[in-house]
Amino acid sequence: MDAAVASRIAALLTPWAGDDIALSREARLDEDLGLDALDRPTLAEEVEDEWDIEIGDPALERIATLGDLIDLVEAKTAGQSGRAV
């Protein structure tokens, strides 16, 4: 897991999960981190803005865990020369 990506995603998750969230790839966005159906699109928008990527509805529906989200961000940013800071 890319520690920088995980750390930035953890920062985006703090409104829902608090400051002490576990950075476990297995942490479930809904059950473990407290996101509901309305929160998921908001999180996706924040991730899109943070990394200048697009997450479509089909991809959003497949994201169940923190690891899934990290993998998606890493896959979508793999070819970018510079990431948002």
C-alpha atoms as a PDB file:
ATOM      1  CA  MET A   1       0.000   0.000   0.000  1.00  0.00           C
ATOM      2  CA  ASP A   2       1.316   3.420  -0.930  1.00  0.00           C
ATOM      3  CA  ALA A   3       1.651   5.140   2.450  1.00  0.00           C
ATOM      4  CA  ALA A   4       1.242   8.616   0.944  1.00  0.00           C
ATOM      5  CA  VAL A   5      -2.010   7.674  -0.802  1.00  0.00           C
ATOM      6  CA  ALA A   6      -3.296   5.912   2.320  1.00  0.00           C
ATOM      7  CA  SER A   7      -2.455   8.913   4.493  1.00  0.00           C
ATOM      8  CA  ARG A   8      -4.190  11.356   2.174  1.00  0.00           C
ATOM      9  CA  ILE A   9      -7.269   9.131   1.936  1.00  0.00           C
ATOM     10  CA  ALA A  10      -7.316   8.822   5.739  1.00  0.00           C
ATOM     11  CA  ALA A  11      -7.341  12.625   5.954  1.00  0.00           C
ATOM     12  CA  LEU A  12     -10.319  12.732   3.582  1.00  0.00           C
ATOM     13  CA  LEU A  13     -12.145  10.137   5.710  1.00  0.00           C
ATOM     14  CA  THR A  14     -11.798  11.979   9.040  1.00  0.00           C
ATOM     15  CA  PRO A  15     -15.195  13.745   8.782  1.00  0.00           C
ATOM     16  CA  TRP A  16     -16.859  10.324   8.864  1.00  0.00           C
ATOM     17  CA  ALA A  17     -14.451   8.099  10.752  1.00  0.00           C
ATOM     18  CA  GLY A  18     -12.660  10.520  13.062  1.00  0.00           C
ATOM     19  CA  ASP A  19      -8.951  11.072  13.531  1.00  0.00           C
ATOM     20  CA  ASP A  20      -8.173   7.606  14.845  1.00  0.00           C
ATOM     21  CA  ILE A  21      -9.180   5.455  11.887  1.00  0.00           C
ATOM     22  CA  ALA A  22      -7.260   2.264  11.287  1.00  0.00           C
ATOM     23  CA  LEU A  23      -5.330   2.242   8.038  1.00  0.00           C
ATOM     24  CA  SER A  24      -6.152  -1.372   7.387  1.00  0.00           C
ATOM     25  CA  ARG A  25      -6.726  -2.321   3.772  1.00  0.00           C
ATOM     26  CA  GLU A  26      -9.586  -4.488   5.032  1.00  0.00           C
ATOM     27  CA  ALA A  27     -11.435  -1.606   6.718  1.00  0.00           C
ATOM     28  CA  ARG A  28     -14.902  -1.483   5.160  1.00  0.00           C
ATOM     29  CA  LEU A  29     -16.025   1.989   4.138  1.00  0.00           C
ATOM     30  CA  ASP A  30     -19.599   1.443   5.275  1.00  0.00           C
ATOM     31  CA  GLU A  31     -19.425  -0.783   8.330  1.00  0.00           C
ATOM     32  CA  ASP A  32     -16.014   0.121   9.768  1.00  0.00           C
ATOM     33  CA  LEU A  33     -15.546   3.731   8.699  1.00  0.00           C
ATOM     34  CA  GLY A  34     -19.151   4.922   8.917  1.00  0.00           C
ATOM     35  CA  LEU A  35     -19.937   6.002   5.354  1.00  0.00           C
ATOM     36  CA  ASP A  36     -23.522   5.678   4.176  1.00  0.00           C
ATOM     37  CA  ALA A  37     -24.986   5.744   0.670  1.00  0.00           C
ATOM     38  CA  LEU A  38     -24.992   9.555   0.598  1.00  0.00           C
ATOM     39  CA  ASP A  39     -21.428   9.849   1.903  1.00  0.00           C
ATOM     40  CA  ARG A  40     -19.844   7.636  -0.747  1.00  0.00           C
ATOM     41  CA  PRO A  41     -20.398  10.070  -3.666  1.00  0.00           C
ATOM     42  CA  THR A  42     -19.120  12.923  -1.494  1.00  0.00           C
ATOM     43  CA  LEU A  43     -15.962  10.976  -0.696  1.00  0.00           C
ATOM     44  CA  ALA A  44     -15.557  10.078  -4.377  1.00  0.00           C
ATOM     45  CA  GLU A  45     -15.790  13.755  -5.316  1.00  0.00           C
ATOM     46  CA  GLU A  46     -13.143  14.658  -2.750  1.00  0.00           C
ATOM     47  CA  VAL A  47     -10.847  11.901  -4.032  1.00  0.00           C
ATOM     48  CA  GLU A  48     -11.431  13.069  -7.615  1.00  0.00           C
ATOM     49  CA  ASP A  49     -10.507  16.628  -6.653  1.00  0.00           C
ATOM     50  CA  GLU A  50      -7.471  15.540  -4.613  1.00  0.00           C
ATOM     51  CA  TRP A  51      -5.922  13.471  -7.411  1.00  0.00           C
ATOM     52  CA  ASP A  52      -7.547  15.036 -10.508  1.00  0.00           C
ATOM     53  CA  ILE A  53      -9.120  11.717 -11.511  1.00  0.00           C
ATOM     54  CA  GLU A  54     -12.632  10.538 -12.340  1.00  0.00           C
ATOM     55  CA  ILE A  55     -14.442   7.820 -10.438  1.00  0.00           C
ATOM     56  CA  GLY A  56     -17.546   6.678 -12.259  1.00  0.00           C
ATOM     57  CA  ASP A  57     -20.598   5.173 -10.606  1.00  0.00           C
ATOM     58  CA  PRO A  58     -19.682   1.570 -11.555  1.00  0.00           C
ATOM     59  CA  ALA A  59     -16.258   1.942  -9.929  1.00  0.00           C
ATOM     60  CA  LEU A  60     -17.762   3.637  -6.885  1.00  0.00           C
ATOM     61  CA  GLU A  61     -20.165   0.729  -6.417  1.00  0.00           C
ATOM     62  CA  ARG A  62     -17.255  -1.756  -6.425  1.00  0.00           C
ATOM     63  CA  ILE A  63     -15.308   0.076  -3.698  1.00  0.00           C
ATOM     64  CA  ALA A  64     -16.021  -1.769  -0.471  1.00  0.00           C
ATOM     65  CA  THR A  65     -12.806  -1.367   1.524  1.00  0.00           C
ATOM     66  CA  LEU A  66     -10.073   1.156   2.121  1.00  0.00           C
ATOM     67  CA  GLY A  67      -7.792  -1.122   0.103  1.00  0.00           C
ATOM     68  CA  ASP A  68     -10.185  -0.994  -2.853  1.00  0.00           C
ATOM     69  CA  LEU A  69     -10.126   2.799  -2.768  1.00  0.00           C
ATOM     70  CA  ILE A  70      -6.337   2.948  -2.471  1.00  0.00           C
ATOM     71  CA  ASP A  71      -5.944   0.499  -5.369  1.00  0.00           C
ATOM     72  CA  LEU A  72      -8.303   2.554  -7.530  1.00  0.00           C
ATOM     73  CA  VAL A  73      -6.435   5.806  -6.820  1.00  0.00           C
ATOM     74  CA  GLU A  74      -3.075   4.152  -7.482  1.00  0.00           C
ATOM     75  CA  ALA A  75      -4.327   2.643 -10.758  1.00  0.00           C
ATOM     76  CA  LYS A  76      -5.798   5.928 -11.968  1.00  0.00           C
ATOM     77  CA  THR A  77      -2.730   7.967 -11.020  1.00  0.00           C
ATOM     78  CA  ALA A  78      -0.085   5.498 -12.202  1.00  0.00           C
ATOM     79  CA  GLY A  79       0.539   7.356 -15.443  1.00  0.00           C
ATOM     80  CA  GLN A  80       0.312  10.885 -14.068  1.00  0.00           C
ATOM     81  CA  SER A  81       3.540  12.848 -13.962  1.00  0.00           C
ATOM     82  CA  GLY A  82       2.465  14.902 -10.965  1.00  0.00           C
ATOM     83  CA  ARG A  83      -0.134  14.380  -8.265  1.00  0.00           C
ATOM     84  CA  ALA A  84      -2.126  17.039  -6.494  1.00  0.00           C
ATOM     85  CA  VAL A  85      -0.624  18.127  -3.233  1.00  0.00           C
END
